[in-house]
N, C-alpha and C. Protein backbone atom coordinates (compact mmCIF):
# COMPACT_ATOMS: atom_id res chain seq x y z
N MET A 1 -40.57 -2.32 8.15
CA MET A 1 -40.29 -2.05 9.56
C MET A 1 -38.92 -1.97 9.92
N THR A 2 -38.42 -0.82 10.50
CA THR A 2 -37.07 -0.75 10.77
C THR A 2 -36.89 -1.11 12.36
N LYS A 3 -35.84 -1.66 12.58
CA LYS A 3 -35.52 -1.99 14.10
C LYS A 3 -34.90 -0.76 14.76
N SER A 4 -35.26 -0.77 16.08
CA SER A 4 -34.61 0.28 16.97
C SER A 4 -33.32 -0.48 17.55
N ARG A 5 -32.44 0.49 18.11
CA ARG A 5 -31.21 -0.12 18.78
C ARG A 5 -31.54 -1.13 19.69
N GLN A 6 -32.64 -0.86 20.53
CA GLN A 6 -32.98 -1.93 21.49
C GLN A 6 -33.29 -3.28 21.00
N ASP A 7 -33.77 -3.42 19.76
CA ASP A 7 -34.15 -4.82 19.15
C ASP A 7 -33.03 -5.54 18.86
N PHE A 8 -31.65 -5.15 18.90
CA PHE A 8 -30.63 -5.82 18.62
C PHE A 8 -29.94 -6.45 19.78
N PRO A 9 -29.49 -7.59 19.75
CA PRO A 9 -28.68 -8.15 21.02
C PRO A 9 -27.67 -7.40 21.47
N ALA A 10 -27.25 -7.31 22.76
CA ALA A 10 -26.21 -6.57 23.27
C ALA A 10 -24.82 -6.77 22.40
N GLY A 11 -24.14 -5.75 22.00
CA GLY A 11 -22.97 -5.96 21.44
C GLY A 11 -23.01 -6.16 19.90
N PHE A 12 -24.18 -6.33 19.35
CA PHE A 12 -24.38 -6.54 17.97
C PHE A 12 -23.79 -5.44 17.21
N LEU A 13 -24.24 -4.33 17.41
CA LEU A 13 -23.92 -3.07 16.78
C LEU A 13 -22.32 -2.84 16.64
N LYS A 14 -21.68 -3.14 17.87
CA LYS A 14 -20.51 -2.97 17.86
C LYS A 14 -19.64 -4.03 17.11
N GLU A 15 -20.11 -5.32 17.17
CA GLU A 15 -19.64 -6.34 16.47
C GLU A 15 -19.58 -5.96 14.96
N LYS A 16 -20.79 -5.58 14.41
CA LYS A 16 -20.93 -5.07 13.09
C LYS A 16 -19.88 -4.03 12.69
N LYS A 17 -19.57 -3.07 13.51
CA LYS A 17 -18.66 -2.05 13.13
C LYS A 17 -17.34 -2.64 13.10
N MET A 18 -17.01 -3.64 13.98
CA MET A 18 -15.75 -4.15 14.09
C MET A 18 -15.44 -4.98 12.90
N GLN A 19 -16.53 -5.68 12.36
CA GLN A 19 -16.53 -6.57 11.20
C GLN A 19 -15.97 -5.85 10.05
N TYR A 20 -16.19 -4.62 9.85
CA TYR A 20 -15.88 -3.77 8.66
C TYR A 20 -14.77 -2.73 9.02
N SER A 21 -14.18 -2.68 10.28
CA SER A 21 -13.15 -1.81 10.43
C SER A 21 -11.92 -2.06 9.51
N TRP A 22 -11.68 -3.08 8.94
CA TRP A 22 -10.56 -3.31 7.99
C TRP A 22 -10.75 -2.56 6.80
N LEU A 23 -12.07 -2.38 6.55
CA LEU A 23 -12.38 -1.62 5.23
C LEU A 23 -11.98 -0.16 5.36
N TRP A 24 -12.20 0.37 6.47
CA TRP A 24 -11.94 1.70 6.73
C TRP A 24 -10.42 1.90 6.68
N PHE A 25 -9.63 1.11 7.31
CA PHE A 25 -8.24 1.03 7.24
C PHE A 25 -7.67 0.86 5.72
N ALA A 26 -8.30 0.09 5.07
CA ALA A 26 -7.91 -0.22 3.62
C ALA A 26 -8.29 1.27 2.92
N LEU A 27 -9.27 1.77 3.17
CA LEU A 27 -9.54 2.89 2.35
C LEU A 27 -8.65 4.24 2.89
N MET A 28 -8.28 4.19 4.08
CA MET A 28 -7.30 5.17 4.59
C MET A 28 -5.86 4.96 3.90
N THR A 29 -5.56 3.51 3.59
CA THR A 29 -4.44 3.34 2.87
C THR A 29 -4.42 3.73 1.49
N VAL A 30 -5.58 3.53 0.86
CA VAL A 30 -5.86 3.96 -0.59
C VAL A 30 -5.65 5.56 -0.60
N VAL A 31 -6.19 6.38 0.32
CA VAL A 31 -5.97 7.69 0.31
C VAL A 31 -4.50 8.06 0.46
N SER A 32 -3.88 7.49 1.58
CA SER A 32 -2.48 7.71 1.83
C SER A 32 -1.60 7.45 0.66
N TRP A 33 -1.79 6.22 0.06
CA TRP A 33 -0.88 5.78 -1.07
C TRP A 33 -1.24 6.72 -2.39
N GLY A 34 -2.46 6.97 -2.39
CA GLY A 34 -2.88 7.75 -3.66
C GLY A 34 -2.27 9.18 -3.53
N LEU A 35 -2.00 9.74 -2.44
CA LEU A 35 -1.37 10.94 -2.43
C LEU A 35 0.20 10.74 -2.40
N TYR A 36 0.80 9.60 -2.17
CA TYR A 36 2.17 9.28 -2.00
C TYR A 36 2.93 9.89 -3.23
N GLY A 37 2.55 9.41 -4.34
CA GLY A 37 3.34 9.80 -5.58
C GLY A 37 3.36 11.22 -5.87
N ILE A 38 2.21 11.81 -5.83
CA ILE A 38 2.19 13.27 -6.13
C ILE A 38 3.00 14.07 -4.90
N PHE A 39 2.74 13.68 -3.79
CA PHE A 39 3.68 14.40 -2.76
C PHE A 39 5.17 14.13 -2.88
N LEU A 40 5.52 12.88 -3.11
CA LEU A 40 6.96 12.60 -3.41
C LEU A 40 7.47 13.53 -4.56
N HIS A 41 6.77 13.50 -5.69
CA HIS A 41 7.30 14.24 -6.80
C HIS A 41 7.29 15.70 -6.51
N SER A 42 6.24 16.14 -5.69
CA SER A 42 6.36 17.73 -5.27
C SER A 42 7.47 17.93 -4.38
N GLY A 43 7.86 17.09 -3.53
CA GLY A 43 9.02 17.11 -2.68
C GLY A 43 10.41 17.08 -3.41
N GLN A 44 10.53 16.19 -4.38
CA GLN A 44 11.58 16.17 -5.18
C GLN A 44 11.77 17.49 -6.10
N MET A 45 10.76 17.99 -6.59
CA MET A 45 10.82 19.21 -7.37
C MET A 45 11.05 20.33 -6.45
N SER A 46 10.61 20.34 -5.34
CA SER A 46 10.71 21.56 -4.41
C SER A 46 12.15 21.53 -3.74
N MET A 47 12.94 20.54 -4.04
CA MET A 47 14.25 20.57 -3.44
C MET A 47 15.13 21.44 -4.26
N ALA A 48 14.56 21.93 -5.43
CA ALA A 48 15.48 22.94 -6.37
C ALA A 48 16.65 22.35 -6.79
N ASP A 49 16.82 20.96 -6.88
CA ASP A 49 18.14 20.51 -7.17
C ASP A 49 17.79 19.42 -8.30
N SER A 50 18.05 19.66 -9.44
CA SER A 50 17.62 18.76 -10.68
C SER A 50 18.48 17.50 -10.54
N VAL A 51 19.68 17.48 -10.00
CA VAL A 51 20.56 16.38 -9.88
C VAL A 51 20.27 15.42 -8.86
N ASN A 52 20.19 16.16 -7.64
CA ASN A 52 20.07 15.37 -6.45
C ASN A 52 18.80 15.53 -5.71
N GLY A 53 17.73 16.12 -6.22
CA GLY A 53 16.46 16.36 -5.49
C GLY A 53 15.81 15.17 -5.23
N ARG A 54 15.94 14.13 -5.91
CA ARG A 54 15.08 12.97 -5.77
C ARG A 54 15.87 12.09 -4.45
N TYR A 55 17.20 12.27 -4.41
CA TYR A 55 17.78 11.60 -3.15
C TYR A 55 17.44 12.51 -1.94
N LYS A 56 17.42 13.78 -2.08
CA LYS A 56 17.05 14.61 -0.80
C LYS A 56 15.67 14.28 -0.48
N ALA A 57 14.75 14.06 -1.38
CA ALA A 57 13.36 13.69 -0.99
C ALA A 57 13.28 12.44 -0.39
N PHE A 58 14.08 11.45 -0.92
CA PHE A 58 14.10 10.16 -0.40
C PHE A 58 14.64 10.19 1.07
N LEU A 59 15.63 10.96 1.26
CA LEU A 59 16.21 11.18 2.89
C LEU A 59 14.95 11.58 3.75
N PHE A 60 14.19 12.40 3.31
CA PHE A 60 13.13 12.87 4.02
C PHE A 60 11.91 11.67 4.21
N VAL A 61 11.81 11.01 3.27
CA VAL A 61 10.91 9.86 3.37
C VAL A 61 11.48 8.95 4.39
N GLY A 62 12.65 8.66 4.45
CA GLY A 62 13.32 7.91 5.53
C GLY A 62 13.16 8.39 6.81
N ILE A 63 13.30 9.85 7.00
CA ILE A 63 12.96 10.48 8.37
C ILE A 63 11.45 10.18 8.69
N ALA A 64 10.56 10.36 7.69
CA ALA A 64 9.19 10.08 8.00
C ALA A 64 8.99 8.69 8.54
N TYR A 65 9.73 7.76 7.88
CA TYR A 65 9.52 6.34 8.13
C TYR A 65 10.01 6.06 9.64
N LEU A 66 11.17 6.84 9.93
CA LEU A 66 11.69 6.53 11.26
C LEU A 66 10.72 7.15 12.46
N ILE A 67 10.02 8.27 11.89
CA ILE A 67 9.05 8.76 13.02
C ILE A 67 7.87 7.90 13.21
N THR A 68 7.22 7.50 11.81
CA THR A 68 6.04 6.72 11.96
C THR A 68 6.11 5.37 12.03
N ALA A 69 7.17 4.62 11.60
CA ALA A 69 7.34 3.14 11.44
C ALA A 69 8.18 2.62 12.56
N VAL A 70 9.12 3.49 13.18
CA VAL A 70 9.97 3.08 14.39
C VAL A 70 9.55 3.57 15.55
N LEU A 71 9.48 4.96 15.75
CA LEU A 71 9.07 5.54 17.09
C LEU A 71 7.64 5.26 17.46
N ALA A 72 6.63 5.35 16.60
CA ALA A 72 5.29 5.34 17.02
C ALA A 72 4.99 3.79 17.43
N PRO A 73 5.45 2.90 16.62
CA PRO A 73 5.09 1.44 17.02
C PRO A 73 5.97 0.90 18.34
N ALA A 74 7.06 1.50 18.51
CA ALA A 74 7.88 1.31 19.87
C ALA A 74 7.14 1.83 20.97
N PHE A 75 6.59 3.01 20.82
CA PHE A 75 5.83 3.77 21.91
C PHE A 75 4.60 2.78 22.20
N VAL A 76 3.82 2.33 21.14
CA VAL A 76 2.53 1.58 21.35
C VAL A 76 2.98 0.27 21.93
N LEU A 77 4.07 -0.48 21.57
CA LEU A 77 4.33 -1.61 22.20
C LEU A 77 4.71 -1.58 23.67
N LYS A 78 5.49 -0.47 23.90
CA LYS A 78 5.73 -0.36 25.30
C LYS A 78 4.42 0.10 26.13
N ALA A 79 3.60 0.95 25.56
CA ALA A 79 2.46 1.38 26.25
C ALA A 79 1.57 0.05 26.44
N ASN A 80 1.53 -0.95 25.64
CA ASN A 80 0.73 -2.04 25.74
C ASN A 80 1.28 -3.15 26.47
N GLY A 81 2.74 -2.91 26.94
CA GLY A 81 3.23 -3.89 27.87
C GLY A 81 3.61 -5.11 27.03
N ALA A 82 3.94 -5.03 25.67
CA ALA A 82 4.20 -6.09 24.79
C ALA A 82 5.56 -6.72 25.07
N SER A 83 5.79 -8.03 24.88
CA SER A 83 7.07 -8.61 24.85
C SER A 83 7.97 -8.11 23.90
N TRP A 84 9.24 -8.04 24.17
CA TRP A 84 10.21 -7.44 23.17
C TRP A 84 10.99 -8.78 22.61
N SER A 85 10.27 -9.88 22.42
CA SER A 85 10.63 -11.18 21.83
C SER A 85 10.28 -11.17 20.40
N PHE A 86 11.06 -11.35 19.43
CA PHE A 86 10.80 -11.14 17.94
C PHE A 86 11.29 -12.45 17.42
N PRO A 87 10.46 -13.29 16.91
CA PRO A 87 10.72 -14.59 16.17
C PRO A 87 11.68 -14.08 14.98
N ALA A 88 12.61 -14.94 14.77
CA ALA A 88 13.43 -14.73 13.56
C ALA A 88 12.71 -14.80 12.17
N LYS A 89 11.66 -15.52 11.93
CA LYS A 89 11.05 -15.61 10.70
C LYS A 89 10.16 -14.46 10.70
N GLY A 90 9.50 -13.91 11.64
CA GLY A 90 8.77 -12.59 11.69
C GLY A 90 9.56 -11.41 11.27
N MET A 91 10.70 -11.42 11.96
CA MET A 91 11.79 -10.49 11.62
C MET A 91 12.20 -10.39 10.34
N LEU A 92 12.50 -11.60 9.62
CA LEU A 92 12.82 -11.69 8.20
C LEU A 92 11.78 -11.13 7.13
N TRP A 93 10.59 -11.72 7.43
CA TRP A 93 9.48 -11.26 6.54
C TRP A 93 9.30 -9.80 6.59
N SER A 94 9.30 -9.29 7.71
CA SER A 94 8.91 -7.92 7.92
C SER A 94 10.19 -7.09 7.44
N LEU A 95 11.44 -7.61 7.48
CA LEU A 95 12.57 -6.66 6.85
C LEU A 95 12.48 -6.78 5.47
N LEU A 96 12.10 -7.92 4.75
CA LEU A 96 11.77 -8.14 3.47
C LEU A 96 10.71 -7.11 3.01
N ALA A 97 9.69 -7.05 3.66
CA ALA A 97 8.53 -6.11 3.38
C ALA A 97 9.08 -4.78 3.40
N GLY A 98 9.72 -4.32 4.45
CA GLY A 98 10.36 -3.03 4.46
C GLY A 98 11.32 -2.60 3.38
N THR A 99 12.16 -3.65 3.09
CA THR A 99 12.99 -3.31 1.99
C THR A 99 12.32 -3.19 0.69
N ALA A 100 11.28 -4.04 0.52
CA ALA A 100 10.42 -3.95 -0.89
C ALA A 100 9.83 -2.51 -0.82
N GLY A 101 9.29 -2.14 0.07
CA GLY A 101 8.60 -0.79 0.18
C GLY A 101 9.67 0.40 -0.12
N ALA A 102 10.83 0.17 0.53
CA ALA A 102 11.92 1.29 0.38
C ALA A 102 12.29 1.17 -1.06
N VAL A 103 12.65 0.14 -1.55
CA VAL A 103 13.21 -0.07 -2.85
C VAL A 103 12.07 0.57 -3.91
N GLY A 104 10.89 0.18 -3.67
CA GLY A 104 9.81 0.59 -4.48
C GLY A 104 9.69 2.03 -4.34
N ALA A 105 9.73 2.89 -3.22
CA ALA A 105 9.72 4.25 -3.17
C ALA A 105 10.89 5.03 -3.93
N PHE A 106 12.20 4.23 -3.73
CA PHE A 106 13.33 4.75 -4.53
C PHE A 106 13.14 4.71 -6.03
N CYS A 107 12.60 3.63 -6.47
CA CYS A 107 12.44 3.35 -7.93
C CYS A 107 11.31 4.38 -8.49
N VAL A 108 10.31 4.75 -7.61
CA VAL A 108 9.28 5.74 -8.02
C VAL A 108 10.08 7.00 -8.26
N LEU A 109 10.95 7.35 -7.33
CA LEU A 109 11.74 8.64 -7.49
C LEU A 109 12.52 8.57 -8.72
N LEU A 110 13.30 7.35 -8.98
CA LEU A 110 13.94 7.31 -10.18
C LEU A 110 13.20 7.42 -11.53
N ALA A 111 11.93 6.83 -11.36
CA ALA A 111 11.08 6.97 -12.36
C ALA A 111 10.62 8.46 -12.87
N PHE A 112 10.42 9.17 -11.74
CA PHE A 112 10.18 10.62 -11.77
C PHE A 112 11.53 11.45 -12.50
N GLY A 113 12.70 10.86 -11.95
CA GLY A 113 14.00 11.52 -12.37
C GLY A 113 14.05 11.22 -13.97
N ALA A 114 13.61 10.12 -14.49
CA ALA A 114 13.72 9.76 -15.87
C ALA A 114 12.56 10.40 -16.71
N LYS A 115 11.87 11.43 -16.10
CA LYS A 115 10.93 12.12 -16.85
C LYS A 115 9.34 11.53 -16.78
N GLY A 116 9.29 10.53 -15.82
CA GLY A 116 7.97 10.02 -15.73
C GLY A 116 7.02 10.87 -14.88
N THR A 117 5.83 11.09 -15.22
CA THR A 117 4.94 11.92 -14.48
C THR A 117 4.26 11.17 -13.28
N PRO A 118 3.86 11.88 -12.21
CA PRO A 118 3.24 11.14 -11.25
C PRO A 118 1.91 10.50 -11.79
N ALA A 119 1.14 11.03 -12.71
CA ALA A 119 0.04 10.36 -13.26
C ALA A 119 0.29 9.21 -13.77
N ALA A 120 1.45 8.97 -14.58
CA ALA A 120 1.78 7.75 -15.50
C ALA A 120 2.43 6.95 -14.36
N VAL A 121 3.47 7.22 -13.64
CA VAL A 121 4.20 6.30 -12.86
C VAL A 121 3.16 5.69 -11.74
N MET A 122 2.44 6.52 -11.09
CA MET A 122 1.74 5.87 -10.09
C MET A 122 0.51 4.92 -10.75
N SER A 123 0.09 5.43 -11.93
CA SER A 123 -1.06 4.61 -12.32
C SER A 123 -0.48 3.04 -12.75
N ILE A 124 0.82 3.21 -13.27
CA ILE A 124 1.36 1.80 -13.40
C ILE A 124 1.71 0.95 -12.07
N VAL A 125 2.21 1.80 -11.26
CA VAL A 125 2.61 1.12 -9.78
C VAL A 125 1.24 0.59 -9.29
N PHE A 126 0.26 1.57 -9.15
CA PHE A 126 -0.85 0.90 -8.43
C PHE A 126 -1.87 -0.04 -9.15
N ALA A 127 -1.69 -0.06 -10.54
CA ALA A 127 -2.53 -1.08 -11.32
C ALA A 127 -1.58 -2.23 -11.13
N GLY A 128 -0.35 -2.23 -11.30
CA GLY A 128 0.53 -3.37 -11.43
C GLY A 128 0.76 -4.04 -10.11
N ALA A 129 0.91 -3.29 -8.89
CA ALA A 129 1.14 -3.95 -7.73
C ALA A 129 0.11 -4.97 -7.10
N PRO A 130 -1.31 -4.71 -7.43
CA PRO A 130 -2.12 -5.77 -7.14
C PRO A 130 -2.05 -7.01 -7.88
N VAL A 131 -1.78 -6.89 -9.16
CA VAL A 131 -1.40 -7.91 -9.90
C VAL A 131 -0.38 -8.75 -9.46
N VAL A 132 0.76 -8.27 -9.01
CA VAL A 132 1.79 -8.98 -8.57
C VAL A 132 1.36 -9.53 -7.16
N ASN A 133 0.77 -8.69 -6.36
CA ASN A 133 0.38 -9.25 -5.15
C ASN A 133 -0.55 -10.53 -5.25
N ALA A 134 -1.43 -10.42 -6.21
CA ALA A 134 -2.38 -11.64 -6.33
C ALA A 134 -1.63 -12.74 -6.87
N LEU A 135 -0.61 -12.68 -7.76
CA LEU A 135 -0.02 -13.77 -8.35
C LEU A 135 0.96 -14.44 -7.27
N VAL A 136 1.57 -13.47 -6.48
CA VAL A 136 2.54 -14.06 -5.45
C VAL A 136 1.83 -14.72 -4.47
N SER A 137 0.54 -14.06 -4.04
CA SER A 137 -0.13 -14.78 -3.07
C SER A 137 -0.63 -16.04 -3.19
N ILE A 138 -1.15 -16.26 -4.54
CA ILE A 138 -1.56 -17.46 -4.97
C ILE A 138 -0.43 -18.53 -5.07
N SER A 139 0.66 -18.11 -5.46
CA SER A 139 1.80 -19.14 -5.47
C SER A 139 2.45 -19.53 -4.11
N MET A 140 2.31 -18.60 -3.07
CA MET A 140 2.86 -18.66 -1.64
C MET A 140 1.79 -19.45 -1.00
N HIS A 141 0.32 -19.17 -1.17
CA HIS A 141 -0.55 -19.81 -0.48
C HIS A 141 -1.85 -20.29 -1.37
N PRO A 142 -1.45 -21.38 -2.14
CA PRO A 142 -2.40 -21.82 -3.19
C PRO A 142 -3.73 -22.26 -2.53
N PRO A 143 -4.85 -21.89 -3.28
CA PRO A 143 -6.23 -22.56 -2.67
C PRO A 143 -6.35 -24.06 -2.55
N ALA A 144 -7.06 -24.40 -1.61
CA ALA A 144 -7.45 -25.86 -1.52
C ALA A 144 -7.87 -26.29 -2.98
N GLY A 145 -7.24 -27.36 -3.33
CA GLY A 145 -7.56 -27.91 -4.66
C GLY A 145 -6.75 -27.50 -5.85
N GLY A 146 -5.96 -26.62 -5.57
CA GLY A 146 -5.00 -26.03 -6.61
C GLY A 146 -5.66 -24.87 -7.41
N VAL A 147 -4.66 -24.52 -8.07
CA VAL A 147 -4.93 -23.20 -9.06
C VAL A 147 -6.29 -23.41 -9.84
N SER A 148 -6.47 -24.71 -10.22
CA SER A 148 -7.75 -24.90 -11.06
C SER A 148 -8.94 -24.67 -10.43
N GLN A 149 -9.06 -24.45 -9.17
CA GLN A 149 -10.16 -24.06 -8.33
C GLN A 149 -10.33 -22.57 -8.35
N ILE A 150 -9.53 -21.72 -8.81
CA ILE A 150 -9.71 -20.17 -8.89
C ILE A 150 -10.71 -20.06 -10.10
N ARG A 151 -11.65 -19.17 -9.62
CA ARG A 151 -12.73 -18.68 -10.53
C ARG A 151 -12.29 -17.82 -11.59
N TRP A 152 -12.65 -17.88 -12.79
CA TRP A 152 -12.37 -16.95 -14.04
C TRP A 152 -12.41 -15.61 -13.67
N GLN A 153 -13.25 -15.08 -12.75
CA GLN A 153 -13.41 -13.66 -12.47
C GLN A 153 -12.09 -13.25 -11.74
N PHE A 154 -11.44 -13.98 -11.10
CA PHE A 154 -10.14 -13.64 -10.46
C PHE A 154 -9.23 -13.17 -11.53
N PHE A 155 -9.07 -13.98 -12.61
CA PHE A 155 -8.23 -13.74 -13.78
C PHE A 155 -8.57 -12.59 -14.49
N ALA A 156 -9.97 -12.43 -14.76
CA ALA A 156 -10.46 -11.23 -15.31
C ALA A 156 -10.19 -10.01 -14.53
N GLY A 157 -10.29 -10.25 -13.27
CA GLY A 157 -9.90 -8.95 -12.39
C GLY A 157 -8.39 -8.45 -12.78
N ILE A 158 -7.51 -9.39 -12.85
CA ILE A 158 -6.19 -9.19 -12.99
C ILE A 158 -5.90 -8.57 -14.48
N LEU A 159 -6.54 -9.07 -15.38
CA LEU A 159 -6.59 -8.57 -16.76
C LEU A 159 -7.09 -6.97 -16.71
N LEU A 160 -8.18 -6.85 -15.98
CA LEU A 160 -8.76 -5.62 -16.06
C LEU A 160 -8.01 -4.50 -15.11
N ALA A 161 -7.35 -4.95 -14.21
CA ALA A 161 -6.38 -3.97 -13.42
C ALA A 161 -5.21 -3.60 -14.41
N ALA A 162 -4.54 -4.52 -15.00
CA ALA A 162 -3.47 -4.27 -15.93
C ALA A 162 -3.97 -3.35 -17.03
N THR A 163 -5.14 -3.66 -17.56
CA THR A 163 -5.67 -2.80 -18.73
C THR A 163 -5.96 -1.45 -18.27
N GLY A 164 -6.59 -1.25 -17.03
CA GLY A 164 -6.91 0.06 -16.43
C GLY A 164 -5.60 0.91 -16.25
N GLY A 165 -4.49 0.28 -15.77
CA GLY A 165 -3.27 0.92 -15.56
C GLY A 165 -2.70 1.44 -16.92
N PHE A 166 -2.80 0.54 -17.93
CA PHE A 166 -2.36 1.05 -19.23
C PHE A 166 -3.11 2.20 -19.64
N LEU A 167 -4.37 2.02 -19.70
CA LEU A 167 -5.34 3.13 -20.24
C LEU A 167 -5.13 4.52 -19.60
N VAL A 168 -5.08 4.44 -18.16
CA VAL A 168 -4.91 5.74 -17.47
C VAL A 168 -3.57 6.28 -17.78
N THR A 169 -2.41 5.46 -17.94
CA THR A 169 -1.17 5.87 -18.33
C THR A 169 -1.07 6.58 -19.75
N MET A 170 -1.68 5.78 -20.69
CA MET A 170 -1.70 6.22 -22.15
C MET A 170 -2.58 7.44 -22.44
N TYR A 171 -3.77 7.52 -21.64
CA TYR A 171 -4.74 8.68 -21.91
C TYR A 171 -4.77 9.56 -20.80
N LYS A 172 -3.84 9.84 -20.00
CA LYS A 172 -3.85 10.84 -19.00
C LYS A 172 -4.01 12.18 -19.64
N PRO A 173 -4.71 13.11 -18.88
CA PRO A 173 -4.75 14.53 -19.49
C PRO A 173 -3.37 15.08 -19.71
N ALA A 174 -3.26 15.92 -20.77
CA ALA A 174 -2.01 16.55 -20.93
C ALA A 174 -1.79 17.75 -19.94
N LYS A 175 -0.58 18.24 -19.74
CA LYS A 175 -0.34 19.26 -18.87
C LYS A 175 -1.02 20.62 -19.41
């Protein structure tokens, strides 16, 4: 027997939607970042400059960041009437995150310039990054009871992610 909308308490369906909204944002990030490498490589190649094409492409990545990561949030903060107070610790961690992202993007371009293909480079990046994230997260925020409380499936997942990146890189289809 299925329930109709009237059978649920007021706000239940909206609450359920909100409960999983993070998943939609995560999946949109997967799509965005999944396209990132191939778009970046295409931009580099389309600059028609074998020596400086990667730097020219990176310049436009920076312009895109200016638009999407500086102007858009500034507009949203202003529209929401947010305080323009920024705690030093929050600024530091956010600047470190931005720097790590920019260095990573630059290194992707350098990998392409060193004859890495988008399929190989991005497979390594996207298989390796979750491993690094998991290990650093555990070291910065250990679980209650310590590392010994982590289930074996977590470590198996790290091993499988690394193995998956290796396999995709080694056995990617030839051009």
